[in-house]
Structure formats: C-alpha cells, structure tokens
C-alpha cells in the first residue's frame, strides 16, 4: 500500500493505492468544507 499526499498547494488531497489499483482517493475540501483547501490533508487521511 502507498499513501500519496498532495499538500500546501490549492486542492490538497490524499490517495491510497495498492498493487491492484486505487483503494481510496479524496480531496481535503470535501471534509474541511473550504473551497480549494491548501492545508495538509489531515481530514482526508483519517
């Protein structure tokens, strides 16, 4: 499993990938309710 993070730029996100493909992917703004959230995707990782 690999955890990929995109942070500290507009539209931060997190993705969990296995050998079979994408397991989970989410944009931080879906959880923080801030459009174009540019912080660490802590809520998306939870």
PDB file of N, CA and C in Angstrom:
ATOM      1  N   UNK A   1       0.843  -1.177   0.000  1.00  0.00           N
ATOM      2  CA  UNK A   1       0.000   0.000   0.000  1.00  0.00           C
ATOM      3  C   UNK A   1       0.890   1.243   0.000  1.00  0.00           C
ATOM      4  N   UNK A   2       0.462   2.222  -0.743  1.00  0.00           N
ATOM      5  CA  UNK A   2       1.160   3.504  -0.815  1.00  0.00           C
ATOM      6  C   UNK A   2       0.151   4.598  -0.520  1.00  0.00           C
ATOM      7  N   UNK A   3       0.535   5.525   0.364  1.00  0.00           N
ATOM      8  CA  UNK A   3      -0.293   6.683   0.668  1.00  0.00           C
ATOM      9  C   UNK A   3       0.309   7.875  -0.057  1.00  0.00           C
ATOM     10  N   UNK A   4      -0.434   8.441  -0.994  1.00  0.00           N
ATOM     11  CA  UNK A   4       0.024   9.606  -1.737  1.00  0.00           C
ATOM     12  C   UNK A   4      -0.661  10.853  -1.217  1.00  0.00           C
ATOM     13  N   UNK A   5       0.111  11.916  -1.012  1.00  0.00           N
ATOM     14  CA  UNK A   5      -0.427  13.170  -0.491  1.00  0.00           C
ATOM     15  C   UNK A   5      -0.076  14.326  -1.414  1.00  0.00           C
ATOM     16  N   UNK A   6      -1.008  15.217  -1.570  1.00  0.00           N
ATOM     17  CA  UNK A   6      -0.783  16.476  -2.265  1.00  0.00           C
ATOM     18  C   UNK A   6      -1.180  17.558  -1.271  1.00  0.00           C
ATOM     19  N   UNK A   7      -0.200  18.358  -0.830  1.00  0.00           N
ATOM     20  CA  UNK A   7      -0.482  19.311   0.241  1.00  0.00           C
ATOM     21  C   UNK A   7       0.215  20.650   0.018  1.00  0.00           C
ATOM     22  N   UNK A   8      -0.289  21.657   0.716  1.00  0.00           N
ATOM     23  CA  UNK A   8       0.275  23.000   0.765  1.00  0.00           C
ATOM     24  C   UNK A   8       0.266  23.711  -0.584  1.00  0.00           C
ATOM     25  N   UNK A   9      -0.670  23.337  -1.414  1.00  0.00           N
ATOM     26  CA  UNK A   9      -0.940  23.985  -2.687  1.00  0.00           C
ATOM     27  C   UNK A   9      -2.442  23.853  -2.861  1.00  0.00           C
ATOM     28  N   UNK A  10      -3.051  24.604  -3.746  1.00  0.00           N
ATOM     29  CA  UNK A  10      -4.509  24.538  -3.833  1.00  0.00           C
ATOM     30  C   UNK A  10      -4.980  23.120  -4.126  1.00  0.00           C
ATOM     31  N   UNK A  11      -6.124  22.770  -3.592  1.00  0.00           N
ATOM     32  CA  UNK A  11      -6.757  21.459  -3.790  1.00  0.00           C
ATOM     33  C   UNK A  11      -5.923  20.298  -3.249  1.00  0.00           C
ATOM     34  N   UNK A  12      -5.577  20.352  -1.964  1.00  0.00           N
ATOM     35  CA  UNK A  12      -4.832  19.246  -1.371  1.00  0.00           C
ATOM     36  C   UNK A  12      -5.698  17.992  -1.321  1.00  0.00           C
ATOM     37  N   UNK A  13      -5.039  16.830  -1.355  1.00  0.00           N
ATOM     38  CA  UNK A  13      -5.777  15.569  -1.422  1.00  0.00           C
ATOM     39  C   UNK A  13      -4.915  14.425  -0.900  1.00  0.00           C
ATOM     40  N   UNK A  14      -5.565  13.268  -0.726  1.00  0.00           N
ATOM     41  CA  UNK A  14      -4.875  12.052  -0.305  1.00  0.00           C
ATOM     42  C   UNK A  14      -5.404  10.885  -1.127  1.00  0.00           C
ATOM     43  N   UNK A  15      -4.523   9.920  -1.397  1.00  0.00           N
ATOM     44  CA  UNK A  15      -4.925   8.720  -2.137  1.00  0.00           C
ATOM     45  C   UNK A  15      -4.204   7.511  -1.558  1.00  0.00           C
ATOM     46  N   UNK A  16      -4.918   6.408  -1.472  1.00  0.00           N
ATOM     47  CA  UNK A  16      -4.353   5.141  -1.016  1.00  0.00           C
ATOM     48  C   UNK A  16      -4.384   4.183  -2.199  1.00  0.00           C
ATOM     49  N   UNK A  17      -3.202   3.662  -2.555  1.00  0.00           N
ATOM     50  CA  UNK A  17      -3.073   2.823  -3.749  1.00  0.00           C
ATOM     51  C   UNK A  17      -2.456   1.477  -3.371  1.00  0.00           C
ATOM     52  N   UNK A  18      -3.026   0.407  -3.891  1.00  0.00           N
ATOM     53  CA  UNK A  18      -2.470  -0.937  -3.690  1.00  0.00           C
ATOM     54  C   UNK A  18      -1.956  -1.453  -5.031  1.00  0.00           C
ATOM     55  N   UNK A  19      -1.461  -2.659  -5.050  1.00  0.00           N
ATOM     56  CA  UNK A  19      -0.973  -3.259  -6.293  1.00  0.00           C
ATOM     57  C   UNK A  19      -2.101  -3.448  -7.300  1.00  0.00           C
ATOM     58  N   UNK A  20      -3.328  -3.564  -6.812  1.00  0.00           N
ATOM     59  CA  UNK A  20      -4.490  -3.759  -7.684  1.00  0.00           C
ATOM     60  C   UNK A  20      -5.071  -2.456  -8.223  1.00  0.00           C
ATOM     61  N   UNK A  21      -4.698  -1.320  -7.648  1.00  0.00           N
ATOM     62  CA  UNK A  21      -5.212  -0.036  -8.113  1.00  0.00           C
ATOM     63  C   UNK A  21      -5.565   0.886  -6.963  1.00  0.00           C
ATOM     64  N   UNK A  22      -6.345   1.898  -7.262  1.00  0.00           N
ATOM     65  CA  UNK A  22      -6.732   2.903  -6.275  1.00  0.00           C
ATOM     66  C   UNK A  22      -7.743   2.305  -5.301  1.00  0.00           C
ATOM     67  N   UNK A  23      -7.430   2.409  -4.012  1.00  0.00           N
ATOM     68  CA  UNK A  23      -8.324   1.925  -2.962  1.00  0.00           C
ATOM     69  C   UNK A  23      -9.225   3.062  -2.496  1.00  0.00           C
ATOM     70  N   UNK A  24      -8.639   4.257  -2.334  1.00  0.00           N
ATOM     71  CA  UNK A  24      -9.372   5.421  -1.840  1.00  0.00           C
ATOM     72  C   UNK A  24      -8.672   6.682  -2.315  1.00  0.00           C
ATOM     73  N   UNK A  25      -9.447   7.685  -2.665  1.00  0.00           N
ATOM     74  CA  UNK A  25      -8.899   8.994  -3.015  1.00  0.00           C
ATOM     75  C   UNK A  25      -9.929  10.048  -2.640  1.00  0.00           C
ATOM     76  N   UNK A  26      -9.455  11.152  -2.046  1.00  0.00           N
ATOM     77  CA  UNK A  26     -10.379  12.202  -1.629  1.00  0.00           C
ATOM     78  C   UNK A  26      -9.680  13.548  -1.571  1.00  0.00           C
ATOM     79  N   UNK A  27     -10.414  14.578  -1.925  1.00  0.00           N
ATOM     80  CA  UNK A  27      -9.931  15.948  -1.813  1.00  0.00           C
ATOM     81  C   UNK A  27     -10.245  16.462  -0.410  1.00  0.00           C
ATOM     82  N   UNK A  28      -9.312  17.176   0.176  1.00  0.00           N
ATOM     83  CA  UNK A  28      -9.481  17.695   1.533  1.00  0.00           C
ATOM     84  C   UNK A  28     -10.694  18.605   1.642  1.00  0.00           C
ATOM     85  N   UNK A  29     -11.013  19.350   0.592  1.00  0.00           N
ATOM     86  CA  UNK A  29     -12.135  20.292   0.656  1.00  0.00           C
ATOM     87  C   UNK A  29     -13.473  19.595   0.902  1.00  0.00           C
ATOM     88  N   UNK A  30     -13.574  18.310   0.592  1.00  0.00           N
ATOM     89  CA  UNK A  30     -14.810  17.559   0.857  1.00  0.00           C
ATOM     90  C   UNK A  30     -15.062  17.411   2.348  1.00  0.00           C
ATOM     91  N   UNK A  31     -13.995  17.390   3.134  1.00  0.00           N
ATOM     92  CA  UNK A  31     -14.110  17.201   4.577  1.00  0.00           C
ATOM     93  C   UNK A  31     -14.008  18.510   5.349  1.00  0.00           C
ATOM     94  N   UNK A  32     -13.174  19.435   4.882  1.00  0.00           N
ATOM     95  CA  UNK A  32     -12.976  20.703   5.591  1.00  0.00           C
ATOM     96  C   UNK A  32     -14.034  21.736   5.222  1.00  0.00           C
ATOM     97  N   UNK A  33     -14.718  21.511   4.104  1.00  0.00           N
ATOM     98  CA  UNK A  33     -15.735  22.425   3.583  1.00  0.00           C
ATOM     99  C   UNK A  33     -15.157  23.800   3.236  1.00  0.00           C
ATOM    100  N   UNK A  34     -13.856  23.831   2.887  1.00  0.00           N
ATOM    101  CA  UNK A  34     -13.189  25.044   2.411  1.00  0.00           C
ATOM    102  C   UNK A  34     -12.807  24.836   0.957  1.00  0.00           C
ATOM    103  N   UNK A  35     -13.365  25.640   0.073  1.00  0.00           N
ATOM    104  CA  UNK A  35     -13.071  25.523  -1.354  1.00  0.00           C
ATOM    105  C   UNK A  35     -11.582  25.748  -1.600  1.00  0.00           C
ATOM    106  N   UNK A  36     -10.961  24.892  -2.408  1.00  0.00           N
ATOM    107  CA  UNK A  36      -9.535  24.968  -2.752  1.00  0.00           C
ATOM    108  C   UNK A  36      -8.645  24.937  -1.506  1.00  0.00           C
ATOM    109  N   UNK A  37      -8.980  24.093  -0.550  1.00  0.00           N
ATOM    110  CA  UNK A  37      -8.210  23.973   0.696  1.00  0.00           C
ATOM    111  C   UNK A  37      -6.752  23.650   0.373  1.00  0.00           C
ATOM    112  N   UNK A  38      -5.827  24.434   0.931  1.00  0.00           N
ATOM    113  CA  UNK A  38      -4.405  24.260   0.613  1.00  0.00           C
ATOM    114  C   UNK A  38      -3.578  23.773   1.799  1.00  0.00           C
ATOM    115  N   UNK A  39      -4.227  23.305   2.855  1.00  0.00           N
ATOM    116  CA  UNK A  39      -3.504  22.805   4.027  1.00  0.00           C
ATOM    117  C   UNK A  39      -3.138  21.339   3.887  1.00  0.00           C
ATOM    118  N   UNK A  40      -2.618  20.779   4.972  1.00  0.00           N
ATOM    119  CA  UNK A  40      -2.308  19.350   4.993  1.00  0.00           C
ATOM    120  C   UNK A  40      -3.625  18.572   4.970  1.00  0.00           C
ATOM    121  N   UNK A  41      -3.734  17.507   4.172  1.00  0.00           N
ATOM    122  CA  UNK A  41      -4.997  16.778   4.055  1.00  0.00           C
ATOM    123  C   UNK A  41      -5.259  15.817   5.223  1.00  0.00           C
ATOM    124  N   UNK A  42      -5.199  16.331   6.444  1.00  0.00           N
ATOM    125  CA  UNK A  42      -5.379  15.510   7.636  1.00  0.00           C
ATOM    126  C   UNK A  42      -6.753  14.885   7.746  1.00  0.00           C
ATOM    127  N   UNK A  43      -7.780  15.602   7.344  1.00  0.00           N
ATOM    128  CA  UNK A  43      -9.138  15.053   7.415  1.00  0.00           C
ATOM    129  C   UNK A  43      -9.359  13.992   6.343  1.00  0.00           C
ATOM    130  N   UNK A  44      -8.750  14.154   5.199  1.00  0.00           N
ATOM    131  CA  UNK A  44      -8.887  13.166   4.123  1.00  0.00           C
ATOM    132  C   UNK A  44      -8.144  11.880   4.461  1.00  0.00           C
ATOM    133  N   UNK A  45      -7.087  11.972   5.254  1.00  0.00           N
ATOM    134  CA  UNK A  45      -6.303  10.800   5.635  1.00  0.00           C
ATOM    135  C   UNK A  45      -7.009   9.989   6.713  1.00  0.00           C
ATOM    136  N   UNK A  46      -7.769  10.652   7.564  1.00  0.00           N
ATOM    137  CA  UNK A  46      -8.467   9.944   8.647  1.00  0.00           C
ATOM    138  C   UNK A  46      -9.317   8.883   8.073  1.00  0.00           C
TER     139      UNK A  46
END
